[in-house]
Amino acid sequence: MSNERSERGLLLVVSSPSGAGKTTLCHRLREEFSSLEFSVSYTTRAPRGEEVHGRDYFFVEPGEFESMIARDELAEYALVHGNNYGTSSPQVREALTRGHDLLFDIDFQGGRQLRQKFPEDVVSVFVLPPSLGELERRLRSRGTDAPEVIDRRLRVATEEIRHYREYHYVIVNDDLDRAYDALRAVYVAERNRVYRRRSAADAVISGQGSLLPMDKDRR
């Protein structure tokens, strides 16, 4: 009998101030590891560009979001730049039970709530810019936000960075390839912790072992 999907998954939380590069790093990690699923959040903001409901976000009205909070259906939620974002508790529990790994691109508020609700399952990484000056340069070079929006993001970034000590790992994104190598190393190491691979080891001992999905990605 195969041991695929028999082990509990993990929740990889990656946070950073806007412009530090976490989204690029997360997309690159998912491209390499097909076993890592992106957690689709609920949000009260309107879709942007080509965003699709159910793929990028679940777009809901503020009243529906408040009802989800009242029914205790959210594993984490936060107000970010005037809009609500949150993650479904049933979605998280189902993924963990199936042995699937979930990737969260969320802020420190959401990361804190997830760690409180799933302390044994969360692996958290904070991505820092090399400096606030470099962060400002990146935000202004995008050319997508008004000056007052950039100023607000920089003020928020200063507050967010103060929370880096709450995370298990810190990565300074001064070079994208080097930062990705660090994030990749965290994921691979945490996926192979003894308590996460115990059933795989027991299956090998019993002569019934097989490669888990992540192992196949790495061959």
N, C-alpha and C. Protein backbone atom coordinates (compact mmCIF):
# COMPACT_ATOMS: atom_id res chain seq x y z
N MET A 1 0.84 -1.20 0.00
CA MET A 1 0.00 0.00 0.00
C MET A 1 0.88 1.24 0.00
N SER A 2 0.64 2.19 -0.91
CA SER A 2 1.47 3.39 -1.05
C SER A 2 1.26 4.33 0.11
N ASN A 3 2.33 5.07 0.50
CA ASN A 3 2.21 6.04 1.57
C ASN A 3 2.02 7.45 1.03
N GLU A 4 1.75 7.62 -0.26
CA GLU A 4 1.52 8.94 -0.81
C GLU A 4 0.33 9.58 -0.12
N ARG A 5 0.47 10.89 0.21
CA ARG A 5 -0.58 11.67 0.83
C ARG A 5 -0.98 11.17 2.22
N SER A 6 -0.21 10.24 2.79
CA SER A 6 -0.58 9.73 4.10
C SER A 6 -0.05 10.61 5.22
N GLU A 7 0.84 11.55 4.93
CA GLU A 7 1.43 12.40 5.95
C GLU A 7 0.74 13.75 5.98
N ARG A 8 0.77 14.38 7.15
CA ARG A 8 0.15 15.68 7.31
C ARG A 8 0.93 16.74 6.55
N GLY A 9 0.22 17.67 5.92
CA GLY A 9 0.88 18.73 5.18
C GLY A 9 1.44 19.80 6.10
N LEU A 10 2.00 20.85 5.51
CA LEU A 10 2.48 21.99 6.28
C LEU A 10 1.92 23.28 5.69
N LEU A 11 1.96 24.33 6.48
CA LEU A 11 1.48 25.65 6.07
C LEU A 11 2.68 26.59 6.00
N LEU A 12 3.10 26.95 4.79
CA LEU A 12 4.26 27.83 4.60
C LEU A 12 3.77 29.27 4.47
N VAL A 13 4.04 30.07 5.49
CA VAL A 13 3.62 31.46 5.52
C VAL A 13 4.80 32.35 5.13
N VAL A 14 4.60 33.16 4.07
CA VAL A 14 5.64 34.09 3.63
C VAL A 14 5.07 35.50 3.70
N SER A 15 5.73 36.36 4.45
CA SER A 15 5.27 37.74 4.63
C SER A 15 6.40 38.71 4.30
N SER A 16 6.00 39.93 3.96
CA SER A 16 6.98 40.98 3.72
C SER A 16 6.22 42.28 3.48
N PRO A 17 6.90 43.42 3.61
CA PRO A 17 6.26 44.65 3.18
C PRO A 17 6.12 44.66 1.66
N SER A 18 5.15 45.42 1.17
CA SER A 18 4.94 45.52 -0.27
C SER A 18 6.21 46.02 -0.96
N GLY A 19 6.63 45.29 -2.01
CA GLY A 19 7.82 45.68 -2.75
C GLY A 19 9.08 44.92 -2.38
N ALA A 20 9.00 44.07 -1.36
CA ALA A 20 10.19 43.32 -0.93
C ALA A 20 10.44 42.08 -1.77
N GLY A 21 9.44 41.65 -2.55
CA GLY A 21 9.67 40.55 -3.49
C GLY A 21 9.07 39.22 -3.11
N LYS A 22 8.20 39.17 -2.10
CA LYS A 22 7.68 37.87 -1.65
C LYS A 22 6.82 37.19 -2.71
N THR A 23 6.04 37.98 -3.47
CA THR A 23 5.16 37.36 -4.48
C THR A 23 5.97 36.68 -5.57
N THR A 24 7.03 37.33 -6.02
CA THR A 24 7.91 36.72 -7.02
C THR A 24 8.54 35.45 -6.48
N LEU A 25 9.01 35.48 -5.24
CA LEU A 25 9.63 34.30 -4.64
C LEU A 25 8.62 33.16 -4.49
N CYS A 26 7.40 33.49 -4.08
CA CYS A 26 6.37 32.46 -3.89
C CYS A 26 6.00 31.80 -5.22
N HIS A 27 5.85 32.60 -6.27
CA HIS A 27 5.52 32.03 -7.58
C HIS A 27 6.64 31.11 -8.07
N ARG A 28 7.86 31.50 -7.82
CA ARG A 28 8.99 30.68 -8.26
C ARG A 28 9.02 29.35 -7.50
N LEU A 29 8.70 29.39 -6.21
CA LEU A 29 8.69 28.17 -5.41
C LEU A 29 7.60 27.22 -5.90
N ARG A 30 6.45 27.76 -6.21
CA ARG A 30 5.35 26.93 -6.68
C ARG A 30 5.66 26.32 -8.06
N GLU A 31 6.37 27.06 -8.89
CA GLU A 31 6.74 26.53 -10.20
C GLU A 31 7.65 25.32 -10.06
N GLU A 32 8.49 25.31 -9.05
CA GLU A 32 9.41 24.18 -8.87
C GLU A 32 8.75 23.01 -8.17
N PHE A 33 7.87 23.29 -7.21
CA PHE A 33 7.27 22.22 -6.42
C PHE A 33 5.76 22.17 -6.66
N SER A 34 5.35 21.22 -7.48
CA SER A 34 3.93 21.11 -7.82
C SER A 34 3.10 20.64 -6.63
N SER A 35 3.74 20.06 -5.62
CA SER A 35 3.02 19.60 -4.43
C SER A 35 2.64 20.75 -3.49
N LEU A 36 3.13 21.95 -3.76
CA LEU A 36 2.85 23.11 -2.94
C LEU A 36 1.70 23.90 -3.56
N GLU A 37 0.58 23.97 -2.86
CA GLU A 37 -0.61 24.64 -3.37
C GLU A 37 -0.72 26.05 -2.80
N PHE A 38 -1.15 26.99 -3.64
CA PHE A 38 -1.34 28.36 -3.17
C PHE A 38 -2.67 28.47 -2.45
N SER A 39 -2.68 29.02 -1.26
CA SER A 39 -3.91 29.22 -0.51
C SER A 39 -4.67 30.41 -1.09
N VAL A 40 -5.88 30.17 -1.55
CA VAL A 40 -6.70 31.22 -2.15
C VAL A 40 -7.50 31.91 -1.06
N SER A 41 -7.26 33.19 -0.87
CA SER A 41 -7.90 33.95 0.20
C SER A 41 -9.24 34.53 -0.23
N TYR A 42 -10.04 34.85 0.77
CA TYR A 42 -11.26 35.62 0.56
C TYR A 42 -10.91 37.10 0.74
N THR A 43 -11.52 37.97 -0.05
CA THR A 43 -11.26 39.40 0.07
C THR A 43 -12.49 40.21 -0.28
N THR A 44 -12.58 41.39 0.32
CA THR A 44 -13.69 42.30 0.03
C THR A 44 -13.32 43.32 -1.04
N ARG A 45 -12.08 43.29 -1.52
CA ARG A 45 -11.73 44.26 -2.56
C ARG A 45 -12.20 43.78 -3.92
N ALA A 46 -12.25 44.70 -4.88
CA ALA A 46 -12.69 44.36 -6.23
C ALA A 46 -11.56 43.67 -7.00
N PRO A 47 -11.90 42.81 -7.97
CA PRO A 47 -10.86 42.18 -8.80
C PRO A 47 -10.04 43.22 -9.55
N ARG A 48 -8.76 42.89 -9.78
CA ARG A 48 -7.87 43.77 -10.54
C ARG A 48 -7.43 43.06 -11.81
N GLY A 49 -7.39 43.80 -12.89
CA GLY A 49 -6.87 43.25 -14.14
C GLY A 49 -7.58 41.97 -14.56
N GLU A 50 -6.80 40.90 -14.71
CA GLU A 50 -7.33 39.62 -15.16
C GLU A 50 -7.55 38.63 -14.02
N GLU A 51 -7.65 39.11 -12.79
CA GLU A 51 -7.89 38.23 -11.65
C GLU A 51 -9.22 37.51 -11.81
N VAL A 52 -9.24 36.24 -11.40
CA VAL A 52 -10.41 35.38 -11.56
C VAL A 52 -10.89 34.91 -10.19
N HIS A 53 -12.19 34.99 -9.97
CA HIS A 53 -12.79 34.51 -8.73
C HIS A 53 -12.55 33.01 -8.58
N GLY A 54 -12.02 32.61 -7.43
CA GLY A 54 -11.76 31.20 -7.17
C GLY A 54 -10.36 30.77 -7.56
N ARG A 55 -9.69 31.54 -8.39
CA ARG A 55 -8.31 31.21 -8.76
C ARG A 55 -7.32 32.13 -8.03
N ASP A 56 -7.55 33.44 -8.14
CA ASP A 56 -6.68 34.40 -7.48
C ASP A 56 -7.17 34.73 -6.07
N TYR A 57 -8.46 34.98 -5.97
CA TYR A 57 -9.12 35.24 -4.69
C TYR A 57 -10.57 34.80 -4.79
N PHE A 58 -11.21 34.66 -3.63
CA PHE A 58 -12.66 34.56 -3.58
C PHE A 58 -13.16 35.96 -3.23
N PHE A 59 -13.78 36.62 -4.20
CA PHE A 59 -14.23 38.00 -4.01
C PHE A 59 -15.63 37.99 -3.41
N VAL A 60 -15.78 38.58 -2.21
CA VAL A 60 -17.05 38.57 -1.50
C VAL A 60 -17.40 39.97 -1.03
N GLU A 61 -18.67 40.17 -0.74
CA GLU A 61 -19.14 41.45 -0.21
C GLU A 61 -18.74 41.56 1.27
N PRO A 62 -18.58 42.79 1.77
CA PRO A 62 -18.21 42.98 3.18
C PRO A 62 -19.16 42.26 4.14
N GLY A 63 -20.48 42.26 3.84
CA GLY A 63 -21.43 41.59 4.72
C GLY A 63 -21.19 40.10 4.82
N GLU A 64 -20.85 39.47 3.68
CA GLU A 64 -20.56 38.03 3.67
C GLU A 64 -19.28 37.74 4.46
N PHE A 65 -18.29 38.60 4.32
CA PHE A 65 -17.04 38.42 5.04
C PHE A 65 -17.29 38.49 6.55
N GLU A 66 -18.09 39.47 6.98
CA GLU A 66 -18.41 39.60 8.40
C GLU A 66 -19.15 38.37 8.91
N SER A 67 -20.02 37.80 8.07
CA SER A 67 -20.75 36.59 8.48
C SER A 67 -19.80 35.42 8.66
N MET A 68 -18.77 35.31 7.82
CA MET A 68 -17.79 34.24 7.95
C MET A 68 -17.02 34.38 9.27
N ILE A 69 -16.72 35.62 9.65
CA ILE A 69 -16.05 35.85 10.93
C ILE A 69 -16.96 35.42 12.08
N ALA A 70 -18.22 35.81 12.01
CA ALA A 70 -19.18 35.49 13.07
C ALA A 70 -19.36 33.98 13.23
N ARG A 71 -19.27 33.24 12.10
CA ARG A 71 -19.44 31.78 12.15
C ARG A 71 -18.12 31.07 12.44
N ASP A 72 -17.05 31.82 12.72
CA ASP A 72 -15.72 31.27 13.02
C ASP A 72 -15.23 30.37 11.89
N GLU A 73 -15.43 30.83 10.65
CA GLU A 73 -15.03 30.05 9.48
C GLU A 73 -13.69 30.49 8.90
N LEU A 74 -13.03 31.46 9.52
CA LEU A 74 -11.77 31.96 8.99
C LEU A 74 -10.61 31.59 9.90
N ALA A 75 -9.59 30.99 9.31
CA ALA A 75 -8.38 30.63 10.05
C ALA A 75 -7.56 31.86 10.39
N GLU A 76 -7.66 32.87 9.55
CA GLU A 76 -6.99 34.14 9.78
C GLU A 76 -7.68 35.19 8.93
N TYR A 77 -7.63 36.43 9.39
CA TYR A 77 -8.17 37.53 8.60
C TYR A 77 -7.54 38.84 9.07
N ALA A 78 -7.52 39.81 8.16
CA ALA A 78 -6.90 41.09 8.49
C ALA A 78 -7.44 42.17 7.57
N LEU A 79 -7.36 43.40 8.05
CA LEU A 79 -7.70 44.57 7.25
C LEU A 79 -6.39 45.13 6.70
N VAL A 80 -6.24 45.10 5.37
CA VAL A 80 -5.00 45.54 4.73
C VAL A 80 -5.33 46.59 3.67
N HIS A 81 -4.77 47.79 3.84
CA HIS A 81 -4.99 48.88 2.89
C HIS A 81 -6.48 49.10 2.63
N GLY A 82 -7.28 49.01 3.68
CA GLY A 82 -8.70 49.31 3.56
C GLY A 82 -9.58 48.17 3.11
N ASN A 83 -9.01 46.99 2.86
CA ASN A 83 -9.79 45.83 2.42
C ASN A 83 -9.54 44.64 3.35
N ASN A 84 -10.57 43.80 3.49
CA ASN A 84 -10.46 42.61 4.32
C ASN A 84 -9.93 41.43 3.51
N TYR A 85 -9.06 40.64 4.13
CA TYR A 85 -8.54 39.41 3.53
C TYR A 85 -8.62 38.31 4.59
N GLY A 86 -8.93 37.08 4.15
CA GLY A 86 -8.99 35.99 5.11
C GLY A 86 -8.89 34.63 4.45
N THR A 87 -8.63 33.60 5.26
CA THR A 87 -8.45 32.23 4.79
C THR A 87 -9.47 31.32 5.44
N SER A 88 -10.06 30.44 4.65
CA SER A 88 -11.08 29.51 5.13
C SER A 88 -10.46 28.44 6.04
N SER A 89 -11.00 28.29 7.26
CA SER A 89 -10.54 27.24 8.17
C SER A 89 -10.77 25.84 7.61
N PRO A 90 -11.96 25.54 7.06
CA PRO A 90 -12.18 24.20 6.49
C PRO A 90 -11.19 23.88 5.37
N GLN A 91 -10.84 24.88 4.55
CA GLN A 91 -9.88 24.66 3.47
C GLN A 91 -8.52 24.25 4.03
N VAL A 92 -8.09 24.90 5.10
CA VAL A 92 -6.80 24.60 5.70
C VAL A 92 -6.79 23.21 6.31
N ARG A 93 -7.82 22.89 7.08
CA ARG A 93 -7.88 21.58 7.74
C ARG A 93 -7.92 20.44 6.72
N GLU A 94 -8.68 20.64 5.65
CA GLU A 94 -8.78 19.59 4.64
C GLU A 94 -7.43 19.36 3.96
N ALA A 95 -6.72 20.44 3.64
CA ALA A 95 -5.41 20.31 3.00
C ALA A 95 -4.43 19.59 3.90
N LEU A 96 -4.39 19.94 5.17
CA LEU A 96 -3.46 19.30 6.11
C LEU A 96 -3.76 17.82 6.24
N THR A 97 -5.05 17.49 6.33
CA THR A 97 -5.45 16.08 6.47
C THR A 97 -5.08 15.28 5.23
N ARG A 98 -5.19 15.89 4.05
CA ARG A 98 -4.87 15.20 2.81
C ARG A 98 -3.36 15.10 2.59
N GLY A 99 -2.57 15.76 3.44
CA GLY A 99 -1.13 15.75 3.27
C GLY A 99 -0.64 16.78 2.27
N HIS A 100 -1.46 17.79 1.96
CA HIS A 100 -1.07 18.82 1.01
C HIS A 100 -0.43 20.00 1.74
N ASP A 101 0.58 20.60 1.12
CA ASP A 101 1.24 21.78 1.65
C ASP A 101 0.57 23.03 1.06
N LEU A 102 0.30 24.01 1.91
CA LEU A 102 -0.31 25.26 1.47
C LEU A 102 0.68 26.41 1.63
N LEU A 103 0.71 27.30 0.63
CA LEU A 103 1.57 28.47 0.64
C LEU A 103 0.71 29.71 0.87
N PHE A 104 1.08 30.53 1.87
CA PHE A 104 0.33 31.72 2.22
C PHE A 104 1.18 32.97 1.96
N ASP A 105 0.68 33.86 1.14
CA ASP A 105 1.30 35.16 0.89
C ASP A 105 0.46 36.17 1.68
N ILE A 106 0.74 36.31 2.98
CA ILE A 106 -0.08 37.12 3.87
C ILE A 106 0.78 37.99 4.77
N ASP A 107 0.13 38.95 5.46
CA ASP A 107 0.88 39.85 6.31
C ASP A 107 1.07 39.27 7.71
N PHE A 108 1.73 40.04 8.58
CA PHE A 108 2.08 39.51 9.90
C PHE A 108 0.85 39.23 10.76
N GLN A 109 -0.24 39.98 10.54
CA GLN A 109 -1.45 39.73 11.32
C GLN A 109 -2.02 38.35 11.01
N GLY A 110 -2.11 38.03 9.71
CA GLY A 110 -2.61 36.72 9.31
C GLY A 110 -1.68 35.61 9.73
N GLY A 111 -0.38 35.85 9.60
CA GLY A 111 0.60 34.85 10.00
C GLY A 111 0.52 34.53 11.48
N ARG A 112 0.30 35.56 12.29
CA ARG A 112 0.19 35.37 13.74
C ARG A 112 -1.03 34.51 14.08
N GLN A 113 -2.16 34.79 13.43
CA GLN A 113 -3.38 34.03 13.70
C GLN A 113 -3.23 32.57 13.28
N LEU A 114 -2.60 32.34 12.13
CA LEU A 114 -2.39 30.95 11.69
C LEU A 114 -1.51 30.19 12.66
N ARG A 115 -0.44 30.83 13.16
CA ARG A 115 0.45 30.17 14.11
C ARG A 115 -0.30 29.83 15.40
N GLN A 116 -1.23 30.70 15.80
CA GLN A 116 -2.00 30.44 17.01
C GLN A 116 -2.95 29.26 16.83
N LYS A 117 -3.55 29.13 15.64
CA LYS A 117 -4.54 28.08 15.41
C LYS A 117 -3.90 26.76 14.96
N PHE A 118 -2.75 26.84 14.28
CA PHE A 118 -2.08 25.64 13.78
C PHE A 118 -0.59 25.68 14.14
N PRO A 119 -0.27 25.70 15.44
CA PRO A 119 1.12 25.91 15.87
C PRO A 119 2.10 24.84 15.40
N GLU A 120 1.64 23.60 15.21
CA GLU A 120 2.54 22.53 14.79
C GLU A 120 2.70 22.45 13.28
N ASP A 121 1.87 23.18 12.55
CA ASP A 121 1.83 23.04 11.09
C ASP A 121 2.44 24.22 10.34
N VAL A 122 2.59 25.36 11.01
CA VAL A 122 3.04 26.58 10.33
C VAL A 122 4.56 26.67 10.31
N VAL A 123 5.10 27.00 9.14
CA VAL A 123 6.51 27.38 8.97
C VAL A 123 6.47 28.80 8.41
N SER A 124 7.04 29.77 9.11
CA SER A 124 6.89 31.16 8.72
C SER A 124 8.22 31.80 8.31
N VAL A 125 8.14 32.58 7.23
CA VAL A 125 9.33 33.24 6.67
C VAL A 125 9.01 34.71 6.44
N PHE A 126 9.87 35.60 6.90
CA PHE A 126 9.70 37.03 6.65
C PHE A 126 10.77 37.48 5.66
N VAL A 127 10.34 38.12 4.58
CA VAL A 127 11.26 38.60 3.54
C VAL A 127 11.50 40.09 3.75
N LEU A 128 12.75 40.46 3.94
CA LEU A 128 13.13 41.86 4.16
C LEU A 128 13.75 42.46 2.90
N PRO A 129 13.53 43.75 2.65
CA PRO A 129 14.29 44.43 1.61
C PRO A 129 15.68 44.74 2.15
N PRO A 130 16.66 45.03 1.29
CA PRO A 130 18.00 45.37 1.79
C PRO A 130 18.00 46.61 2.67
N SER A 131 17.09 47.55 2.36
CA SER A 131 16.97 48.79 3.13
C SER A 131 15.63 49.44 2.79
N LEU A 132 15.21 50.39 3.62
CA LEU A 132 13.97 51.12 3.32
C LEU A 132 14.15 52.00 2.09
N GLY A 133 15.37 52.49 1.88
CA GLY A 133 15.64 53.28 0.69
C GLY A 133 15.46 52.47 -0.58
N GLU A 134 15.96 51.22 -0.57
CA GLU A 134 15.80 50.35 -1.73
C GLU A 134 14.34 49.97 -1.91
N LEU A 135 13.62 49.78 -0.81
CA LEU A 135 12.19 49.47 -0.91
C LEU A 135 11.44 50.62 -1.57
N GLU A 136 11.75 51.84 -1.17
CA GLU A 136 11.10 53.00 -1.79
C GLU A 136 11.43 53.07 -3.28
N ARG A 137 12.69 52.81 -3.64
CA ARG A 137 13.07 52.84 -5.06
C ARG A 137 12.27 51.83 -5.85
N ARG A 138 12.11 50.61 -5.32
CA ARG A 138 11.36 49.57 -6.02
C ARG A 138 9.90 49.97 -6.21
N LEU A 139 9.30 50.51 -5.15
CA LEU A 139 7.89 50.90 -5.24
C LEU A 139 7.68 52.01 -6.25
N ARG A 140 8.57 52.98 -6.29
CA ARG A 140 8.41 54.10 -7.21
C ARG A 140 8.73 53.69 -8.65
N SER A 141 9.64 52.72 -8.82
CA SER A 141 10.01 52.29 -10.17
C SER A 141 8.92 51.46 -10.83
N ARG A 142 7.98 50.92 -10.05
CA ARG A 142 6.88 50.16 -10.63
C ARG A 142 6.04 51.03 -11.55
N GLY A 143 5.82 52.28 -11.14
CA GLY A 143 5.00 53.18 -11.94
C GLY A 143 3.53 52.83 -11.93
N THR A 144 3.07 52.09 -10.93
CA THR A 144 1.66 51.64 -10.91
C THR A 144 0.85 52.33 -9.81
N ASP A 145 1.52 52.97 -8.86
CA ASP A 145 0.80 53.58 -7.74
C ASP A 145 1.04 55.08 -7.69
N ALA A 146 0.02 55.79 -7.21
CA ALA A 146 0.14 57.23 -7.01
C ALA A 146 1.12 57.52 -5.88
N PRO A 147 1.75 58.70 -5.87
CA PRO A 147 2.73 59.02 -4.83
C PRO A 147 2.18 58.87 -3.41
N GLU A 148 0.90 59.26 -3.20
CA GLU A 148 0.34 59.14 -1.85
C GLU A 148 0.15 57.68 -1.45
N VAL A 149 -0.11 56.81 -2.43
CA VAL A 149 -0.24 55.37 -2.14
C VAL A 149 1.12 54.80 -1.75
N ILE A 150 2.15 55.21 -2.46
CA ILE A 150 3.51 54.74 -2.15
C ILE A 150 3.92 55.20 -0.76
N ASP A 151 3.60 56.46 -0.43
CA ASP A 151 3.94 56.98 0.90
C ASP A 151 3.25 56.16 1.98
N ARG A 152 1.99 55.80 1.75
CA ARG A 152 1.26 55.00 2.73
C ARG A 152 1.88 53.61 2.86
N ARG A 153 2.26 53.02 1.73
CA ARG A 153 2.88 51.69 1.77
C ARG A 153 4.20 51.72 2.54
N LEU A 154 4.95 52.80 2.39
CA LEU A 154 6.22 52.91 3.11
C LEU A 154 6.00 53.05 4.61
N ARG A 155 4.96 53.79 4.99
CA ARG A 155 4.64 53.91 6.43
C ARG A 155 4.23 52.56 7.00
N VAL A 156 3.41 51.83 6.25
CA VAL A 156 2.97 50.50 6.68
C VAL A 156 4.17 49.55 6.76
N ALA A 157 5.09 49.66 5.78
CA ALA A 157 6.26 48.78 5.74
C ALA A 157 7.09 48.91 7.01
N THR A 158 7.26 50.13 7.50
CA THR A 158 8.04 50.35 8.71
C THR A 158 7.44 49.60 9.89
N GLU A 159 6.10 49.61 9.98
CA GLU A 159 5.41 48.89 11.05
C GLU A 159 5.53 47.39 10.86
N GLU A 160 5.37 46.92 9.62
CA GLU A 160 5.41 45.48 9.34
C GLU A 160 6.78 44.89 9.68
N ILE A 161 7.84 45.60 9.33
CA ILE A 161 9.19 45.08 9.54
C ILE A 161 9.49 44.86 11.02
N ARG A 162 8.85 45.63 11.88
CA ARG A 162 9.07 45.47 13.32
C ARG A 162 8.63 44.11 13.84
N HIS A 163 7.83 43.39 13.06
CA HIS A 163 7.29 42.11 13.50
C HIS A 163 8.10 40.90 13.00
N TYR A 164 9.27 41.15 12.42
CA TYR A 164 10.04 40.05 11.85
C TYR A 164 10.43 39.01 12.90
N ARG A 165 10.56 39.42 14.15
CA ARG A 165 10.98 38.48 15.21
C ARG A 165 9.94 37.40 15.50
N GLU A 166 8.71 37.59 15.03
CA GLU A 166 7.65 36.60 15.25
C GLU A 166 7.80 35.39 14.33
N TYR A 167 8.69 35.48 13.34
CA TYR A 167 8.80 34.44 12.31
C TYR A 167 9.92 33.45 12.62
N HIS A 168 9.82 32.28 12.01
CA HIS A 168 10.85 31.26 12.19
C HIS A 168 12.13 31.60 11.42
N TYR A 169 11.96 32.21 10.25
CA TYR A 169 13.11 32.50 9.37
C TYR A 169 12.99 33.92 8.82
N VAL A 170 14.15 34.54 8.55
CA VAL A 170 14.21 35.85 7.92
C VAL A 170 15.14 35.76 6.71
N ILE A 171 14.67 36.26 5.57
CA ILE A 171 15.46 36.26 4.34
C ILE A 171 15.55 37.70 3.83
N VAL A 172 16.77 38.19 3.60
CA VAL A 172 16.98 39.52 3.04
C VAL A 172 17.06 39.38 1.51
N ASN A 173 16.14 40.01 0.82
CA ASN A 173 16.09 39.90 -0.63
C ASN A 173 16.93 41.00 -1.28
N ASP A 174 18.25 40.86 -1.15
CA ASP A 174 19.16 41.78 -1.83
C ASP A 174 19.58 41.23 -3.18
N ASP A 175 19.33 39.94 -3.41
CA ASP A 175 19.60 39.29 -4.69
C ASP A 175 18.53 38.22 -4.85
N LEU A 176 17.76 38.27 -5.93
CA LEU A 176 16.60 37.40 -6.07
C LEU A 176 16.98 35.92 -6.06
N ASP A 177 18.03 35.54 -6.78
CA ASP A 177 18.43 34.13 -6.83
C ASP A 177 18.87 33.64 -5.47
N ARG A 178 19.63 34.47 -4.77
CA ARG A 178 20.11 34.07 -3.43
C ARG A 178 18.94 33.97 -2.46
N ALA A 179 18.01 34.91 -2.55
CA ALA A 179 16.83 34.87 -1.67
C ALA A 179 15.98 33.63 -1.97
N TYR A 180 15.86 33.30 -3.25
CA TYR A 180 15.06 32.11 -3.59
C TYR A 180 15.74 30.84 -3.08
N ASP A 181 17.05 30.76 -3.21
CA ASP A 181 17.76 29.58 -2.69
C ASP A 181 17.51 29.40 -1.21
N ALA A 182 17.45 30.51 -0.47
CA ALA A 182 17.20 30.44 0.97
C ALA A 182 15.77 29.96 1.25
N LEU A 183 14.79 30.51 0.52
CA LEU A 183 13.40 30.10 0.71
C LEU A 183 13.21 28.64 0.35
N ARG A 184 13.82 28.21 -0.73
CA ARG A 184 13.74 26.82 -1.17
C ARG A 184 14.33 25.89 -0.10
N ALA A 185 15.46 26.31 0.46
CA ALA A 185 16.12 25.49 1.49
C ALA A 185 15.23 25.33 2.71
N VAL A 186 14.54 26.40 3.10
CA VAL A 186 13.62 26.33 4.24
C VAL A 186 12.52 25.31 3.97
N TYR A 187 11.91 25.41 2.80
CA TYR A 187 10.79 24.51 2.49
C TYR A 187 11.23 23.05 2.44
N VAL A 188 12.34 22.79 1.77
CA VAL A 188 12.82 21.41 1.64
C VAL A 188 13.17 20.85 3.02
N ALA A 189 13.88 21.64 3.83
CA ALA A 189 14.27 21.17 5.16
C ALA A 189 13.06 20.91 6.04
N GLU A 190 12.11 21.83 6.05
CA GLU A 190 10.93 21.66 6.91
C GLU A 190 10.06 20.50 6.44
N ARG A 191 9.99 20.28 5.14
CA ARG A 191 9.19 19.17 4.61
C ARG A 191 9.76 17.83 5.06
N ASN A 192 11.07 17.81 5.34
CA ASN A 192 11.74 16.57 5.68
C ASN A 192 12.05 16.42 7.17
N ARG A 193 11.40 17.20 8.00
CA ARG A 193 11.56 17.01 9.44
C ARG A 193 11.08 15.62 9.83
N VAL A 194 11.68 15.05 10.86
CA VAL A 194 11.37 13.67 11.26
C VAL A 194 9.89 13.48 11.52
N TYR A 195 9.27 14.40 12.27
CA TYR A 195 7.87 14.19 12.62
C TYR A 195 6.93 14.31 11.43
N ARG A 196 7.41 14.95 10.33
CA ARG A 196 6.58 15.02 9.12
C ARG A 196 6.81 13.82 8.21
N ARG A 197 7.95 13.14 8.37
CA ARG A 197 8.27 12.02 7.49
C ARG A 197 8.20 10.68 8.19
N ARG A 198 7.63 10.67 9.39
CA ARG A 198 7.62 9.44 10.17
C ARG A 198 6.90 8.30 9.45
N SER A 199 5.73 8.60 8.87
CA SER A 199 4.98 7.53 8.21
C SER A 199 5.70 7.05 6.96
N ALA A 200 6.45 7.96 6.29
CA ALA A 200 7.23 7.55 5.13
C ALA A 200 8.34 6.59 5.55
N ALA A 201 9.01 6.92 6.66
CA ALA A 201 10.08 6.05 7.16
C ALA A 201 9.53 4.70 7.59
N ASP A 202 8.39 4.71 8.28
CA ASP A 202 7.78 3.46 8.72
C ASP A 202 7.39 2.59 7.52
N ALA A 203 6.92 3.25 6.45
CA ALA A 203 6.54 2.49 5.25
C ALA A 203 7.75 1.84 4.60
N VAL A 204 8.90 2.55 4.60
CA VAL A 204 10.13 1.98 4.05
C VAL A 204 10.55 0.77 4.87
N ILE A 205 10.48 0.90 6.19
CA ILE A 205 10.86 -0.19 7.07
C ILE A 205 9.99 -1.42 6.83
N SER A 206 8.70 -1.18 6.56
CA SER A 206 7.77 -2.29 6.36
C SER A 206 7.80 -2.83 4.94
N GLY A 207 8.62 -2.20 4.08
CA GLY A 207 8.73 -2.65 2.69
C GLY A 207 7.64 -2.13 1.79
N GLN A 208 6.89 -1.12 2.23
CA GLN A 208 5.79 -0.58 1.44
C GLN A 208 6.03 0.86 1.03
N GLY A 209 7.24 1.37 1.17
CA GLY A 209 7.52 2.77 0.91
C GLY A 209 7.47 3.13 -0.56
N SER A 210 7.18 4.40 -0.82
CA SER A 210 7.23 4.96 -2.18
C SER A 210 7.52 6.43 -2.08
N LEU A 211 7.92 7.03 -3.18
CA LEU A 211 8.25 8.45 -3.19
C LEU A 211 7.01 9.29 -2.96
N LEU A 212 7.17 10.32 -2.10
CA LEU A 212 6.10 11.28 -1.93
C LEU A 212 6.14 12.27 -3.09
N PRO A 213 5.04 13.01 -3.33
CA PRO A 213 5.00 13.94 -4.46
C PRO A 213 6.17 14.90 -4.51
N MET A 214 6.59 15.44 -3.35
CA MET A 214 7.69 16.39 -3.35
C MET A 214 9.00 15.74 -3.78
N ASP A 215 9.20 14.48 -3.38
CA ASP A 215 10.41 13.77 -3.77
C ASP A 215 10.48 13.64 -5.29
N LYS A 216 9.34 13.40 -5.91
CA LYS A 216 9.31 13.24 -7.36
C LYS A 216 9.68 14.55 -8.05
N ASP A 217 9.26 15.69 -7.45
CA ASP A 217 9.61 16.98 -8.03
C ASP A 217 11.12 17.19 -8.02
N ARG A 218 11.79 16.63 -7.03
CA ARG A 218 13.23 16.92 -6.83
C ARG A 218 14.13 15.97 -7.59
N ARG A 219 13.59 14.94 -8.23
CA ARG A 219 14.45 14.00 -8.92
C ARG A 219 15.08 14.62 -10.16
